[in-house]
Amino acid sequence: MNTCSASTVSPTSSTRLARVGEWMRLNAPLIRGIQWGVVLIYGLLILVPIFLPLPDETAHIWSNLTLIAQFAFWGLWWPFVLISMVFMGRVWCGVLCPEGALTEFASKRGLFKPIPRWMRWGGWPFVAFALTTVYGQMISVYQYPKAVLLVLGGSTIGAIIVGYLYGREKRVWCKYLCPVNGVFGLLAKLAPFHYKVNEEAWRASYNTHGKKTIAINCAPLVPLRAMTGAADCHMCGRCSNHRDAVTLTWRPPTVEIVSLGAKQNSVWESALALYGLMGIAIGAFHWSASPWFIVIKQATATWLIDNDIMWPFATNAPWWVFTNYPAQNDVFSWLDGSLVVSYILTTGLVMGTVLSVLFAFSTWLLGGWDRSRFNHLVQSTIPLAGCGVFVGLSATTVTLLRGEHIPVFWANDLRAILLIATTLWSAWLAWRVTGRYITAPGRRLLGMAPIIAALGCVNFAWLLMFWIW
């Protein structure tokens, strides 16, 4: 059970936070209403722009719904939802997410089938994130409404179908198949509060004679009595004060990684961090700015022409396979699209493998190979990994602001501050984690050397994108 020492949490502040949890439980209908309001806005932003002409150079964010939707989804929503996970846990999932509301609504009225075994496979969060990221780049999801409808709308339809088929008032989609569930779970490990379960109070609740305990519908399928962290909890407040044992309370933001991470880790979480957030995501943000991509494209095109292979230059791929908007002079040939996919996947493979080797070396230096220790050490990268996705998405935000002639001279300075701060945070977490396996300062410093090198590799990738290229 995850506990916080009395010296680190003020009783008054803890009590106030517990009252917030109680307010959420007592005002569940209001929270559901807020969710349906978000569903309405989400539907408006995702559907209406496809019926409108694409914005020209005279369009503005404040007057064109297509640009409003683009800025809302990619300039504000995605980046700041990521930040909210770090500071508030998965409140977005439990209070605001339209897909969560829709899949739970469908599940309440669906077929109530048992969850199939294939759906419980632990690798889906990584696979779903990787596929969505790559496919989004293939069809330019950050630029075009039809691409947004296909990626985000397709995910929403999937959530509704899964909800209708499986579970009973549960968020089966969110638990197993949501493309960002794994990312949100990693970032929520850093949240400074969670719903804490008092094991003694829970056991005592069985001895209350004549008092009926009302069952709690935990929509994200968290086993409440065994809940110790915030990674899986959607922070909806429904379980607050359940059996007089569940309380929203503060905690040290290091505890879930440093203390609980020794046992609560998995190879798929490590894959998502190393090959997903610090690999495939970097490739997805990199390719459009990379001079290497241009060199590779020119060399490949020259070889194809020399060998009289011309079909890859055709631009007849439908927009839902590769970007195809001739009126905007934005068309991918089969060669363009294939190279984009190859560049992203190669970057993911190279970055992920280099980082994996460095963390494996650190694991070995701390006492020989141990998979659990390796996964535990990798969790220390979560602050920098999450920050990387945020600064990558900020490129879209800055581009849209620059198009409105809003000064963005501060952008690179802010990115540098964020990357430096989260690198130090990750290094500090890694130092704390190494202390759980070895106490000798010299050995710990030796074990930290590959980790520092890994953090340096990630920062070098962002240095290339924002400061060198």
Protein backbone atom coordinates (compact mmCIF):
# COMPACT_ATOMS: atom_id res chain seq x y z
CA MET A 1 0.00 0.00 0.00
CA ASN A 2 1.26 3.45 -0.94
CA THR A 3 1.57 5.74 2.07
CA CYS A 4 2.77 9.29 2.58
CA SER A 5 4.56 10.32 5.71
CA ALA A 6 2.87 12.82 7.98
CA SER A 7 5.84 15.12 7.69
CA THR A 8 5.36 15.56 3.96
CA VAL A 9 1.61 16.19 3.90
CA SER A 10 -0.19 18.84 5.92
CA PRO A 11 -3.30 17.38 7.69
CA THR A 12 -5.27 20.46 6.70
CA SER A 13 -4.36 20.27 3.02
CA SER A 14 -4.96 16.51 3.01
CA THR A 15 -8.41 17.05 4.51
CA ARG A 16 -9.23 19.68 1.92
CA LEU A 17 -8.19 17.35 -0.88
CA ALA A 18 -10.32 14.57 0.61
CA ARG A 19 -13.28 16.96 0.50
CA VAL A 20 -12.63 17.53 -3.19
CA GLY A 21 -12.88 13.77 -3.72
CA GLU A 22 -16.13 13.69 -1.75
CA TRP A 23 -17.49 16.60 -3.78
CA MET A 24 -16.74 14.69 -6.98
CA ARG A 25 -18.57 11.63 -5.68
CA LEU A 26 -21.61 13.61 -4.54
CA ASN A 27 -21.74 15.60 -7.77
CA ALA A 28 -21.35 12.70 -10.16
CA PRO A 29 -24.37 13.81 -12.27
CA LEU A 30 -22.71 17.20 -12.79
CA ILE A 31 -19.48 15.51 -13.90
CA ARG A 32 -21.42 13.33 -16.34
CA GLY A 33 -23.06 16.48 -17.68
CA ILE A 34 -19.65 18.09 -18.19
CA GLN A 35 -18.52 15.00 -20.06
CA TRP A 36 -21.47 15.14 -22.42
CA GLY A 37 -20.78 18.82 -22.99
CA VAL A 38 -17.26 17.90 -24.05
CA VAL A 39 -18.70 15.18 -26.32
CA LEU A 40 -20.85 17.83 -28.01
CA ILE A 41 -17.91 20.21 -28.54
CA TYR A 42 -15.70 17.34 -29.70
CA GLY A 43 -18.31 16.22 -32.21
CA LEU A 44 -18.68 19.77 -33.51
CA LEU A 45 -14.93 20.24 -33.99
CA ILE A 46 -14.39 16.85 -35.58
CA LEU A 47 -17.39 16.77 -37.93
CA VAL A 48 -18.21 20.29 -39.12
CA PRO A 49 -14.77 21.15 -40.64
CA ILE A 50 -15.01 18.30 -43.18
CA PHE A 51 -17.95 20.10 -44.82
CA LEU A 52 -16.08 23.41 -45.05
CA PRO A 53 -13.50 24.49 -47.64
CA LEU A 54 -9.91 24.22 -46.50
CA PRO A 55 -8.62 27.53 -45.12
CA ASP A 56 -6.61 29.79 -47.40
CA GLU A 57 -3.90 32.28 -46.48
CA THR A 58 -6.49 34.87 -45.37
CA ALA A 59 -8.11 32.59 -42.75
CA HIS A 60 -7.54 33.19 -39.04
CA ILE A 61 -7.77 31.05 -35.93
CA TRP A 62 -10.48 33.25 -34.45
CA SER A 63 -12.69 33.27 -37.54
CA ASN A 64 -12.24 29.91 -39.31
CA LEU A 65 -13.72 26.80 -37.70
CA THR A 66 -11.23 24.50 -39.41
CA LEU A 67 -8.30 26.42 -37.93
CA ILE A 68 -10.10 26.64 -34.60
CA ALA A 69 -10.42 22.84 -34.57
CA GLN A 70 -6.80 22.37 -35.65
CA PHE A 71 -5.55 24.67 -32.91
CA ALA A 72 -7.88 23.13 -30.32
CA PHE A 73 -6.84 19.54 -31.05
CA TRP A 74 -3.12 19.87 -31.75
CA GLY A 75 -2.17 23.28 -30.36
CA LEU A 76 -3.96 23.03 -27.03
CA TRP A 77 -5.78 19.77 -26.33
CA TRP A 78 -3.06 17.16 -26.87
CA PRO A 79 -0.15 19.12 -25.36
CA PHE A 80 -2.01 20.29 -22.27
CA VAL A 81 -3.78 17.01 -21.63
CA LEU A 82 -0.27 15.52 -21.35
CA ILE A 83 0.67 18.20 -18.82
CA SER A 84 -2.54 17.59 -16.86
CA MET A 85 -1.56 13.94 -16.37
CA VAL A 86 1.59 15.01 -14.53
CA PHE A 87 -0.08 17.56 -12.27
CA MET A 88 -3.56 16.08 -11.76
CA GLY A 89 -3.38 12.42 -12.70
CA ARG A 90 -5.94 11.06 -15.14
CA VAL A 91 -8.62 13.64 -14.37
CA TRP A 92 -9.03 14.16 -18.11
CA CYS A 93 -9.97 10.50 -18.50
CA GLY A 94 -12.45 10.44 -15.64
CA VAL A 95 -14.06 13.87 -16.01
CA LEU A 96 -13.64 15.16 -19.57
CA CYS A 97 -12.71 12.49 -22.12
CA PRO A 98 -15.45 12.09 -24.76
CA GLU A 99 -14.37 8.56 -25.69
CA GLY A 100 -14.55 7.47 -22.06
CA ALA A 101 -18.09 8.82 -21.74
CA LEU A 102 -19.22 7.24 -25.02
CA THR A 103 -17.71 3.80 -24.43
CA GLU A 104 -19.17 3.63 -20.91
CA PHE A 105 -22.58 4.76 -22.22
CA ALA A 106 -22.50 2.08 -24.92
CA SER A 107 -21.36 -0.56 -22.44
CA LYS A 108 -24.33 0.21 -20.18
CA ARG A 109 -26.70 -0.57 -23.05
CA GLY A 110 -24.69 -3.18 -24.91
CA LEU A 111 -24.39 -6.95 -25.16
CA PHE A 112 -22.40 -7.42 -21.90
CA LYS A 113 -20.07 -9.97 -23.46
CA PRO A 114 -17.03 -11.06 -21.45
CA ILE A 115 -13.76 -9.37 -22.34
CA PRO A 116 -11.89 -11.69 -24.77
CA ARG A 117 -8.45 -12.93 -23.87
CA TRP A 118 -6.78 -11.36 -26.92
CA MET A 119 -7.91 -7.92 -25.79
CA ARG A 120 -6.13 -8.32 -22.44
CA TRP A 121 -2.71 -8.61 -24.13
CA GLY A 122 -0.35 -6.16 -22.45
CA GLY A 123 1.20 -4.95 -25.69
CA TRP A 124 -1.84 -3.14 -27.08
CA PRO A 125 -1.03 0.29 -25.54
CA PHE A 126 2.36 0.28 -27.31
CA VAL A 127 1.04 -1.11 -30.60
CA ALA A 128 -1.95 1.26 -30.68
CA PHE A 129 0.26 4.28 -29.94
CA ALA A 130 2.80 3.29 -32.61
CA LEU A 131 0.20 2.62 -35.31
CA THR A 132 -1.74 5.81 -34.59
CA THR A 133 1.42 7.92 -34.60
CA VAL A 134 2.70 6.52 -37.89
CA TYR A 135 -0.67 6.58 -39.63
CA GLY A 136 -1.28 10.15 -38.50
CA GLN A 137 1.90 11.21 -40.29
CA MET A 138 0.96 9.26 -43.42
CA ILE A 139 -2.25 11.27 -43.84
CA SER A 140 -1.08 14.59 -42.24
CA VAL A 141 -3.46 14.45 -39.30
CA TYR A 142 -2.21 17.76 -37.89
CA GLN A 143 -3.21 19.66 -41.04
CA TYR A 144 -6.44 18.29 -42.54
CA PRO A 145 -9.98 17.79 -41.14
CA LYS A 146 -10.65 14.53 -43.01
CA ALA A 147 -7.49 13.05 -41.51
CA VAL A 148 -8.61 14.19 -38.05
CA LEU A 149 -12.00 12.57 -38.58
CA LEU A 150 -10.38 9.33 -39.69
CA VAL A 151 -7.86 9.10 -36.81
CA LEU A 152 -9.78 10.61 -33.90
CA GLY A 153 -13.22 9.72 -35.19
CA GLY A 154 -12.09 6.18 -35.97
CA SER A 155 -10.81 5.83 -32.42
CA THR A 156 -14.14 7.10 -31.10
CA ILE A 157 -16.13 4.65 -33.22
CA GLY A 158 -13.86 1.88 -31.98
CA ALA A 159 -14.53 2.94 -28.39
CA ILE A 160 -18.29 2.84 -28.96
CA ILE A 161 -18.21 -0.58 -30.65
CA VAL A 162 -16.02 -2.12 -27.96
CA GLY A 163 -18.23 -0.59 -25.28
CA TYR A 164 -21.36 -1.99 -26.90
CA LEU A 165 -19.90 -5.48 -27.19
CA TYR A 166 -18.00 -5.94 -23.93
CA GLY A 167 -18.33 -5.24 -20.24
CA ARG A 168 -21.19 -3.86 -18.20
CA GLU A 169 -20.91 -0.10 -17.61
CA LYS A 170 -17.15 -0.44 -18.00
CA ARG A 171 -14.53 1.38 -20.04
CA VAL A 172 -13.05 -1.67 -21.69
CA TRP A 173 -11.71 0.40 -24.59
CA CYS A 174 -9.92 2.77 -22.22
CA LYS A 175 -8.42 -0.08 -20.22
CA TYR A 176 -7.01 -2.11 -23.10
CA LEU A 177 -7.15 -0.48 -26.55
CA CYS A 178 -7.09 3.31 -26.26
CA PRO A 179 -4.03 4.56 -28.24
CA VAL A 180 -3.02 6.96 -25.47
CA ASN A 181 -3.91 4.85 -22.44
CA GLY A 182 -0.33 3.71 -22.00
CA VAL A 183 1.07 7.23 -22.34
CA PHE A 184 -1.43 8.61 -19.84
CA GLY A 185 -0.67 5.78 -17.43
CA LEU A 186 3.06 6.51 -17.54
CA LEU A 187 2.66 10.25 -16.97
CA ALA A 188 0.10 9.76 -14.18
CA LYS A 189 2.79 7.95 -12.18
CA LEU A 190 4.21 11.44 -11.52
CA ALA A 191 0.97 12.94 -10.19
CA PRO A 192 1.24 14.49 -6.68
CA PHE A 193 -2.01 12.98 -5.41
CA HIS A 194 -4.09 9.83 -5.77
CA TYR A 195 -6.94 7.90 -4.19
CA LYS A 196 -5.31 6.14 -1.27
CA VAL A 197 -6.74 2.88 0.05
CA ASN A 198 -6.56 2.25 3.80
CA GLU A 199 -6.26 -1.51 4.06
CA GLU A 200 -7.11 -1.62 7.77
CA ALA A 201 -10.27 0.42 7.30
CA TRP A 202 -11.26 -1.79 4.37
CA ARG A 203 -10.90 -4.94 6.48
CA ALA A 204 -12.78 -3.33 9.35
CA SER A 205 -15.69 -2.55 7.03
CA TYR A 206 -16.46 -6.28 6.83
CA ASN A 207 -17.31 -6.29 10.54
CA THR A 208 -20.03 -3.61 10.43
CA HIS A 209 -23.22 -5.45 11.37
CA GLY A 210 -26.38 -4.49 9.56
CA LYS A 211 -24.68 -1.84 7.41
CA LYS A 212 -25.03 -2.43 3.69
CA THR A 213 -22.08 -1.55 1.50
CA ILE A 214 -23.06 -0.11 -1.86
CA ALA A 215 -20.96 -1.54 -4.67
CA ILE A 216 -18.83 0.88 -6.69
CA ASN A 217 -18.75 0.81 -10.46
CA CYS A 218 -15.08 1.37 -11.22
CA ALA A 219 -15.43 1.97 -14.94
CA PRO A 220 -11.69 1.58 -15.80
CA LEU A 221 -11.67 -1.84 -14.10
CA VAL A 222 -9.24 -0.99 -11.30
CA PRO A 223 -9.26 -3.51 -8.41
CA LEU A 224 -9.97 -0.91 -5.73
CA ARG A 225 -8.78 -2.78 -2.67
CA ALA A 226 -5.39 -3.44 -4.27
CA MET A 227 -5.04 0.04 -5.79
CA THR A 228 -1.76 1.67 -4.76
CA GLY A 229 -0.87 4.08 -7.57
CA ALA A 230 -2.45 6.52 -10.01
CA ALA A 231 -1.47 4.98 -13.33
CA ASP A 232 -4.75 3.15 -13.91
CA CYS A 233 -7.14 5.32 -11.87
CA HIS A 234 -9.31 7.75 -13.89
CA MET A 235 -9.75 10.09 -10.91
CA CYS A 236 -13.54 10.22 -11.35
CA GLY A 237 -14.24 10.32 -7.60
CA ARG A 238 -16.84 7.53 -7.58
CA CYS A 239 -14.93 5.46 -5.03
CA SER A 240 -14.23 8.33 -2.61
CA ASN A 241 -14.93 7.21 0.98
CA HIS A 242 -15.94 3.74 -0.19
CA ARG A 243 -16.01 1.49 2.91
CA ASP A 244 -14.59 4.52 4.75
CA ALA A 245 -11.26 3.41 3.26
CA VAL A 246 -10.65 5.35 0.03
CA THR A 247 -9.48 8.97 0.26
CA LEU A 248 -8.11 11.49 -2.21
CA THR A 249 -4.82 12.54 -0.70
CA TRP A 250 -1.41 14.03 -1.47
CA ARG A 251 1.67 11.92 -2.01
CA PRO A 252 5.32 12.50 -2.92
CA PRO A 253 5.41 12.65 -6.73
CA THR A 254 8.34 10.23 -6.73
CA VAL A 255 6.69 7.41 -4.83
CA GLU A 256 5.05 5.51 -7.67
CA ILE A 257 8.27 5.33 -9.68
CA VAL A 258 10.90 5.03 -6.95
CA SER A 259 9.04 2.88 -4.41
CA LEU A 260 6.25 1.09 -6.26
CA GLY A 261 8.12 0.80 -9.55
CA ALA A 262 10.30 -2.00 -8.20
CA LYS A 263 7.31 -4.36 -8.52
CA GLN A 264 4.84 -2.41 -10.65
CA ASN A 265 6.63 -2.41 -13.98
CA SER A 266 6.39 -4.26 -17.26
CA VAL A 267 8.35 -4.76 -20.44
CA TRP A 268 5.55 -3.13 -22.44
CA GLU A 269 5.75 0.04 -20.36
CA SER A 270 9.48 0.10 -21.08
CA ALA A 271 8.85 -0.47 -24.79
CA LEU A 272 6.36 2.40 -24.86
CA ALA A 273 8.84 4.76 -23.20
CA LEU A 274 11.97 3.69 -25.11
CA TYR A 275 10.65 2.77 -28.56
CA GLY A 276 7.43 4.79 -28.48
CA LEU A 277 7.78 8.16 -26.76
CA MET A 278 11.54 8.47 -27.25
CA GLY A 279 11.71 6.65 -30.58
CA ILE A 280 8.71 6.60 -32.92
CA ALA A 281 7.38 9.93 -31.62
CA ILE A 282 10.75 11.61 -32.24
CA GLY A 283 10.80 10.20 -35.75
CA ALA A 284 7.28 11.49 -36.40
CA PHE A 285 8.26 15.01 -35.36
CA HIS A 286 11.71 14.85 -37.01
CA TRP A 287 11.13 13.83 -40.59
CA SER A 288 9.61 17.06 -41.89
CA ALA A 289 12.58 19.10 -40.61
CA SER A 290 15.34 16.57 -41.23
CA PRO A 291 17.98 17.24 -43.93
CA TRP A 292 18.78 13.53 -43.66
CA PHE A 293 15.29 12.74 -44.94
CA ILE A 294 15.89 14.97 -47.98
CA VAL A 295 19.25 13.34 -48.72
CA ILE A 296 17.73 9.85 -48.45
CA LYS A 297 14.81 10.86 -50.68
CA GLN A 298 17.08 12.33 -53.35
CA ALA A 299 19.38 9.30 -53.32
CA THR A 300 16.42 6.89 -53.54
CA ALA A 301 14.79 8.90 -56.35
CA THR A 302 18.03 8.95 -58.32
CA TRP A 303 18.45 5.19 -57.99
CA LEU A 304 14.85 4.58 -59.09
CA ILE A 305 15.23 6.82 -62.15
CA ASP A 306 18.55 5.22 -63.09
CA ASN A 307 16.87 1.82 -62.95
CA ASP A 308 13.78 3.03 -64.85
CA ILE A 309 11.43 2.33 -61.92
CA MET A 310 8.86 5.11 -62.15
CA TRP A 311 5.72 3.87 -60.37
CA PRO A 312 6.86 5.10 -56.90
CA PHE A 313 6.62 8.67 -58.21
CA ALA A 314 2.89 8.34 -58.88
CA THR A 315 0.61 10.53 -56.77
CA ASN A 316 -2.56 8.49 -57.10
CA ALA A 317 -2.75 7.23 -53.51
CA PRO A 318 -6.10 8.13 -51.90
CA TRP A 319 -5.95 10.72 -49.08
CA TRP A 320 -6.69 8.02 -46.49
CA VAL A 321 -3.51 6.14 -47.48
CA PHE A 322 -1.10 9.02 -48.09
CA THR A 323 -1.64 12.79 -48.00
CA ASN A 324 -3.29 13.89 -51.26
CA TYR A 325 -4.53 17.48 -51.46
CA PRO A 326 -3.55 18.85 -54.90
CA ALA A 327 -5.35 22.17 -54.36
CA GLN A 328 -3.02 22.84 -51.42
CA ASN A 329 0.05 21.59 -53.32
CA ASP A 330 0.39 18.91 -50.66
CA VAL A 331 0.59 15.47 -52.23
CA PHE A 332 2.60 12.42 -51.21
CA SER A 333 3.84 10.12 -53.93
CA TRP A 334 4.19 6.47 -53.06
CA LEU A 335 7.90 7.18 -52.62
CA ASP A 336 7.24 10.10 -50.24
CA GLY A 337 4.83 8.16 -48.08
CA SER A 338 6.98 5.05 -47.94
CA LEU A 339 10.03 7.07 -46.93
CA VAL A 340 8.07 8.88 -44.21
CA VAL A 341 6.99 5.55 -42.71
CA SER A 342 10.50 4.11 -43.07
CA TYR A 343 12.12 7.16 -41.49
CA ILE A 344 9.78 7.09 -38.48
CA LEU A 345 10.13 3.36 -37.89
CA THR A 346 13.91 3.42 -38.39
CA THR A 347 14.26 6.32 -35.96
CA GLY A 348 12.12 4.45 -33.46
CA LEU A 349 14.17 1.27 -33.85
CA VAL A 350 17.55 3.02 -33.63
CA MET A 351 16.66 5.31 -30.72
CA GLY A 352 14.85 2.60 -28.82
CA THR A 353 17.67 0.10 -29.25
CA VAL A 354 20.41 2.56 -28.29
CA LEU A 355 18.49 3.58 -25.17
CA SER A 356 17.71 -0.06 -24.33
CA VAL A 357 21.38 -1.02 -24.56
CA LEU A 358 22.39 1.87 -22.28
CA PHE A 359 19.76 0.98 -19.67
CA ALA A 360 20.69 -2.70 -19.91
CA PHE A 361 24.34 -1.73 -19.26
CA SER A 362 23.28 0.32 -16.26
CA THR A 363 21.23 -2.62 -14.98
CA TRP A 364 24.24 -4.91 -15.30
CA LEU A 365 26.52 -2.44 -13.50
CA LEU A 366 24.10 -2.39 -10.57
CA GLY A 367 24.38 -6.11 -9.95
CA GLY A 368 23.97 -8.17 -13.08
CA TRP A 369 21.08 -8.50 -15.49
CA ASP A 370 17.62 -8.34 -13.98
CA ARG A 371 14.58 -7.56 -16.15
CA SER A 372 12.55 -6.05 -13.34
CA ARG A 373 15.44 -3.73 -12.40
CA PHE A 374 15.81 -2.75 -16.06
CA ASN A 375 12.10 -1.85 -16.29
CA HIS A 376 12.33 0.04 -13.00
CA LEU A 377 15.25 2.13 -14.21
CA VAL A 378 13.48 2.92 -17.49
CA GLN A 379 10.58 4.43 -15.55
CA SER A 380 12.90 7.23 -14.48
CA THR A 381 12.82 8.54 -18.06
CA ILE A 382 9.08 9.33 -17.91
CA PRO A 383 9.49 13.09 -17.22
CA LEU A 384 11.83 13.61 -20.19
CA ALA A 385 9.86 11.24 -22.45
CA GLY A 386 6.62 13.10 -21.76
CA CYS A 387 8.29 16.48 -22.18
CA GLY A 388 9.66 15.40 -25.54
CA VAL A 389 6.18 14.70 -26.89
CA PHE A 390 5.01 18.04 -25.49
CA VAL A 391 7.79 20.06 -27.15
CA GLY A 392 7.27 18.12 -30.37
CA LEU A 393 3.59 19.03 -30.41
CA SER A 394 4.54 22.61 -29.58
CA ALA A 395 5.87 22.89 -33.14
CA THR A 396 2.27 22.82 -34.38
CA THR A 397 1.22 25.34 -31.73
CA VAL A 398 4.02 27.72 -32.64
CA THR A 399 3.37 27.37 -36.38
CA LEU A 400 -0.29 28.31 -35.92
CA LEU A 401 0.59 31.26 -33.68
CA ARG A 402 3.25 32.45 -36.10
CA GLY A 403 0.67 32.33 -38.88
CA GLU A 404 -1.38 34.82 -36.87
CA HIS A 405 1.71 37.07 -36.48
CA ILE A 406 1.76 36.43 -32.74
CA PRO A 407 5.31 36.78 -31.36
CA VAL A 408 6.81 33.35 -30.58
CA PHE A 409 10.44 34.38 -30.00
CA TRP A 410 10.16 32.80 -26.55
CA ALA A 411 9.34 29.31 -27.82
CA ASN A 412 12.84 27.86 -28.06
CA ASP A 413 13.86 29.32 -24.70
CA LEU A 414 10.83 27.71 -23.09
CA ARG A 415 11.57 24.40 -24.80
CA ALA A 416 15.15 24.52 -23.50
CA ILE A 417 13.96 25.23 -19.95
CA LEU A 418 11.46 22.35 -20.07
CA LEU A 419 13.95 19.87 -21.51
CA ILE A 420 16.64 20.81 -18.98
CA ALA A 421 14.20 20.65 -16.06
CA THR A 422 12.76 17.26 -17.03
CA THR A 423 16.23 15.87 -17.77
CA LEU A 424 17.30 16.80 -14.24
CA TRP A 425 14.04 15.34 -12.91
CA SER A 426 14.66 12.06 -14.74
CA ALA A 427 18.28 11.96 -13.55
CA TRP A 428 17.16 12.53 -9.96
CA LEU A 429 14.55 9.75 -10.24
CA ALA A 430 17.21 7.43 -11.68
CA TRP A 431 19.52 8.25 -8.78
CA ARG A 432 16.74 7.44 -6.32
CA VAL A 433 15.98 4.18 -8.11
CA THR A 434 19.62 3.06 -8.13
CA GLY A 435 19.66 3.60 -4.37
CA ARG A 436 17.11 0.82 -3.97
CA TYR A 437 19.57 -1.70 -5.40
CA ILE A 438 22.98 -0.57 -4.20
CA THR A 439 24.17 1.86 -1.53
CA ALA A 440 27.84 2.36 -2.40
CA PRO A 441 28.10 5.87 -3.93
CA GLY A 442 30.83 4.86 -6.36
CA ARG A 443 28.84 1.94 -7.76
CA ARG A 444 25.73 4.10 -8.00
CA LEU A 445 27.60 6.77 -9.93
CA LEU A 446 28.98 4.09 -12.24
CA GLY A 447 25.48 2.78 -12.82
CA MET A 448 24.21 6.29 -13.51
CA ALA A 449 26.74 6.92 -16.32
CA PRO A 450 24.82 4.98 -19.04
CA ILE A 451 21.56 6.57 -17.90
CA ILE A 452 23.02 10.06 -18.25
CA ALA A 453 24.22 9.07 -21.72
CA ALA A 454 20.71 7.90 -22.61
CA LEU A 455 19.17 11.17 -21.43
CA GLY A 456 21.80 12.99 -23.49
CA CYS A 457 20.82 11.03 -26.63
CA VAL A 458 17.19 12.09 -26.24
CA ASN A 459 18.16 15.72 -25.74
CA PHE A 460 20.44 15.59 -28.77
CA ALA A 461 17.49 14.51 -30.90
CA TRP A 462 15.52 17.60 -29.83
CA LEU A 463 18.62 19.77 -30.20
CA LEU A 464 18.79 18.72 -33.85
CA MET A 465 15.15 19.54 -34.50
CA PHE A 466 14.84 22.91 -32.79
CA TRP A 467 18.34 24.39 -32.72
CA ILE A 468 20.50 22.83 -35.45
CA TRP A 469 18.18 21.96 -38.35
